[in-house]
C-alpha atoms as a PDB file:
ATOM      1  CA  MET A   1      13.132  33.408  18.804  1.00  0.00           C
ATOM      2  CA  LEU A   2      11.034  30.931  18.833  1.00  0.00           C
ATOM      3  CA  ASP A   3       6.744  32.110  17.619  1.00  0.00           C
ATOM      4  CA  VAL A   4       4.906  30.919  21.352  1.00  0.00           C
ATOM      5  CA  PHE A   5       0.981  30.325  20.050  1.00  0.00           C
ATOM      6  CA  GLY A   6      -1.805  33.122  21.600  1.00  0.00           C
ATOM      7  CA  THR A   7       0.174  35.873  22.855  1.00  0.00           C
ATOM      8  CA  GLU A   8       2.055  39.039  20.996  1.00  0.00           C
ATOM      9  CA  GLU A   9       4.920  38.137  23.883  1.00  0.00           C
ATOM     10  CA  ASP A  10       7.052  35.369  23.061  1.00  0.00           C
ATOM     11  CA  GLY A  11      10.140  36.365  25.362  1.00  0.00           C
ATOM     12  CA  LEU A  12       7.108  35.821  28.456  1.00  0.00           C
ATOM     13  CA  TYR A  13       7.346  32.271  27.262  1.00  0.00           C
ATOM     14  CA  GLN A  14      11.588  31.233  25.686  1.00  0.00           C
ATOM     15  CA  SER A  15      12.537  30.724  29.464  1.00  0.00           C
ATOM     16  CA  GLY A  16      10.010  30.080  32.763  1.00  0.00           C
ATOM     17  CA  ARG A  17      11.460  28.727  36.563  1.00  0.00           C
ATOM     18  CA  VAL A  18      11.733  24.741  36.389  1.00  0.00           C
ATOM     19  CA  PHE A  19      11.364  22.933  39.850  1.00  0.00           C
ATOM     20  CA  PRO A  20      13.475  19.419  40.489  1.00  0.00           C
ATOM     21  CA  SER A  21      12.002  16.440  42.143  1.00  0.00           C
ATOM     22  CA  ASP A  22      15.465  16.756  44.134  1.00  0.00           C
ATOM     23  CA  GLN A  23      14.816  20.126  45.266  1.00  0.00           C
ATOM     24  CA  LEU A  24      13.957  20.472  49.103  1.00  0.00           C
ATOM     25  CA  LEU A  25      11.563  23.722  48.915  1.00  0.00           C
ATOM     26  CA  PRO A  26       7.934  23.229  48.032  1.00  0.00           C
ATOM     27  CA  ALA A  27       8.128  24.013  44.181  1.00  0.00           C
ATOM     28  CA  GLY A  28       6.151  27.880  44.038  1.00  0.00           C
ATOM     29  CA  TYR A  29       6.752  31.408  45.411  1.00  0.00           C
ATOM     30  CA  ARG A  30       6.153  33.589  48.254  1.00  0.00           C
ATOM     31  CA  VAL A  31       5.315  36.610  47.118  1.00  0.00           C
ATOM     32  CA  PRO A  32       5.842  39.524  50.003  1.00  0.00           C
ATOM     33  CA  LEU A  33       1.722  41.806  49.658  1.00  0.00           C
ATOM     34  CA  PRO A  34      -0.388  43.558  52.063  1.00  0.00           C
ATOM     35  CA  PRO A  35      -3.675  41.849  52.738  1.00  0.00           C
ATOM     36  CA  GLY A  36      -5.672  42.200  49.892  1.00  0.00           C
ATOM     37  CA  ARG A  37      -7.913  40.212  47.310  1.00  0.00           C
ATOM     38  CA  TYR A  38      -5.877  39.512  43.854  1.00  0.00           C
ATOM     39  CA  ARG A  39      -6.411  38.462  40.580  1.00  0.00           C
ATOM     40  CA  VAL A  40      -3.413  35.876  39.859  1.00  0.00           C
ATOM     41  CA  ALA A  41      -2.488  35.335  36.406  1.00  0.00           C
ATOM     42  CA  VAL A  42       0.395  32.088  36.026  1.00  0.00           C
ATOM     43  CA  HIS A  43       1.476  31.827  32.446  1.00  0.00           C
ATOM     44  CA  PHE A  44       2.960  28.764  30.557  1.00  0.00           C
ATOM     45  CA  ALA A  45       3.860  27.143  28.082  1.00  0.00           C
ATOM     46  CA  ALA A  46       5.433  24.035  26.540  1.00  0.00           C
ATOM     47  CA  VAL A  47       8.646  25.179  24.478  1.00  0.00           C
ATOM     48  CA  HIS A  48       9.939  22.218  24.375  1.00  0.00           C
ATOM     49  CA  TRP A  49       8.939  18.755  24.128  1.00  0.00           C
ATOM     50  CA  LEU A  50       9.395  16.804  27.078  1.00  0.00           C
ATOM     51  CA  GLU A  51       6.993  19.304  28.643  1.00  0.00           C
ATOM     52  CA  ASP A  52       4.400  17.093  27.660  1.00  0.00           C
ATOM     53  CA  ARG A  53       5.067  15.162  30.868  1.00  0.00           C
ATOM     54  CA  ARG A  54       4.123  17.537  33.741  1.00  0.00           C
ATOM     55  CA  ALA A  55       0.976  17.239  35.693  1.00  0.00           C
ATOM     56  CA  PHE A  56       0.543  19.454  39.427  1.00  0.00           C
ATOM     57  CA  ASP A  57      -1.784  21.303  41.386  1.00  0.00           C
ATOM     58  CA  ILE A  58      -1.564  24.979  42.161  1.00  0.00           C
ATOM     59  CA  ARG A  59      -2.295  26.141  44.730  1.00  0.00           C
ATOM     60  CA  LEU A  60      -3.156  29.783  46.864  1.00  0.00           C
ATOM     61  CA  GLU A  61      -2.520  30.527  49.598  1.00  0.00           C
ATOM     62  CA  GLY A  62      -2.752  26.833  50.601  1.00  0.00           C
ATOM     63  CA  ILE A  63      -6.016  25.949  48.389  1.00  0.00           C
ATOM     64  CA  THR A  64      -5.380  23.697  45.539  1.00  0.00           C
ATOM     65  CA  VAL A  65      -7.611  26.279  42.602  1.00  0.00           C
ATOM     66  CA  LYS A  66      -6.279  23.922  39.727  1.00  0.00           C
ATOM     67  CA  GLU A  67      -5.862  20.744  39.911  1.00  0.00           C
ATOM     68  CA  ASP A  68      -3.867  17.638  38.483  1.00  0.00           C
ATOM     69  CA  PHE A  69      -3.125  20.754  35.527  1.00  0.00           C
ATOM     70  CA  ASP A  70      -1.247  18.841  32.456  1.00  0.00           C
ATOM     71  CA  LEU A  71       0.608  20.395  30.466  1.00  0.00           C
ATOM     72  CA  GLY A  72       1.032  18.510  27.808  1.00  0.00           C
ATOM     73  CA  ALA A  73      -2.671  18.568  27.483  1.00  0.00           C
ATOM     74  CA  SER A  74      -2.769  21.891  25.757  1.00  0.00           C
ATOM     75  CA  PRO A  75      -0.479  22.272  22.102  1.00  0.00           C
ATOM     76  CA  PHE A  76       2.429  23.031  21.849  1.00  0.00           C
ATOM     77  CA  ARG A  77       4.074  26.279  22.299  1.00  0.00           C
ATOM     78  CA  THR A  78       1.058  27.615  22.813  1.00  0.00           C
ATOM     79  CA  ALA A  79       0.953  30.932  25.981  1.00  0.00           C
ATOM     80  CA  ILE A  80      -1.761  29.663  28.455  1.00  0.00           C
ATOM     81  CA  VAL A  81      -3.113  31.497  31.193  1.00  0.00           C
ATOM     82  CA  GLN A  82      -3.923  30.077  34.423  1.00  0.00           C
ATOM     83  CA  VAL A  83      -6.504  33.488  36.911  1.00  0.00           C
ATOM     84  CA  PHE A  84      -7.185  33.232  39.700  1.00  0.00           C
ATOM     85  CA  GLU A  85      -8.830  35.720  42.434  1.00  0.00           C
ATOM     86  CA  ILE A  86      -7.586  35.303  45.841  1.00  0.00           C
ATOM     87  CA  GLU A  87      -7.779  36.626  49.241  1.00  0.00           C
ATOM     88  CA  VAL A  88      -4.920  37.587  50.789  1.00  0.00           C
ATOM     89  CA  THR A  89      -4.084  37.806  54.441  1.00  0.00           C
ATOM     90  CA  ASP A  90      -0.733  37.071  56.311  1.00  0.00           C
ATOM     91  CA  GLY A  91       1.777  39.287  53.796  1.00  0.00           C
ATOM     92  CA  PHE A  92       2.429  37.263  51.271  1.00  0.00           C
ATOM     93  CA  LEU A  93       0.652  35.336  48.641  1.00  0.00           C
ATOM     94  CA  ASP A  94       1.402  31.997  48.518  1.00  0.00           C
ATOM     95  CA  LEU A  95       1.834  29.616  44.261  1.00  0.00           C
ATOM     96  CA  GLU A  96       2.708  26.773  44.845  1.00  0.00           C
ATOM     97  CA  LEU A  97       3.357  24.563  42.588  1.00  0.00           C
ATOM     98  CA  ALA A  98       2.018  20.259  43.684  1.00  0.00           C
ATOM     99  CA  LEU A  99       3.968  17.331  41.782  1.00  0.00           C
ATOM    100  CA  ARG A 100       1.834  14.910  39.956  1.00  0.00           C
ATOM    101  CA  LYS A 101       4.276  13.767  36.872  1.00  0.00           C
ATOM    102  CA  GLY A 102       6.972  15.388  35.478  1.00  0.00           C
ATOM    103  CA  VAL A 103       9.022  18.545  36.137  1.00  0.00           C
ATOM    104  CA  PRO A 104       6.768  21.916  37.053  1.00  0.00           C
ATOM    105  CA  ARG A 105       7.565  24.730  34.852  1.00  0.00           C
ATOM    106  CA  ILE A 106       6.584  28.330  35.273  1.00  0.00           C
ATOM    107  CA  SER A 107       6.816  31.268  32.637  1.00  0.00           C
ATOM    108  CA  ALA A 108       5.348  33.753  35.025  1.00  0.00           C
ATOM    109  CA  ILE A 109       3.982  35.017  37.455  1.00  0.00           C
ATOM    110  CA  GLU A 110       1.382  38.346  36.436  1.00  0.00           C
ATOM    111  CA  VAL A 111      -0.219  39.850  40.292  1.00  0.00           C
ATOM    112  CA  LEU A 112      -3.226  42.801  39.920  1.00  0.00           C
ATOM    113  CA  LYS A 113      -4.685  44.192  43.377  1.00  0.00           C
ATOM    114  CA  MET A 114      -8.210  44.319  42.607  1.00  0.00           C
ATOM    115  CA  GLY A 115     -10.675  47.008  42.704  1.00  0.00           C
ATOM    116  CA  ALA A 116      -6.478  48.689  41.756  1.00  0.00           C
ATOM    117  CA  SER A 117      -6.671  50.076  38.017  1.00  0.00           C
ATOM    118  CA  SER A 118      -4.819  49.096  34.939  1.00  0.00           C
ATOM    119  CA  PRO A 119      -1.377  50.578  34.175  1.00  0.00           C
ATOM    120  CA  LYS A 120      -1.728  52.309  31.109  1.00  0.00           C
ATOM    121  CA  GLY A 121       1.091  52.097  28.254  1.00  0.00           C
END
């Protein structure tokens, strides 16, 4: 297992979902959730050399929350977490990675309803 810097959860970043540019659907997820305010953490790590050529916008609920996110600008094999707060009104959290360069890759998505307590471990 590769060491991923900035996390103790190396396994979380070892794999990820890649969205090929020839895919007909937009790169992203549609997660059913009750309406409310949510904290969304999107996890990334460049663990393969070619991933330094990936740049994309991050959109939540149709709103660009991070423009031109360049995974290659981050240190190699380092966990990068982008955290946002968003209001879900239609029963679905829509997350889209809008391609600018390369092929988007995401390691994990974490969603927590605001006002909810964190799970105890």
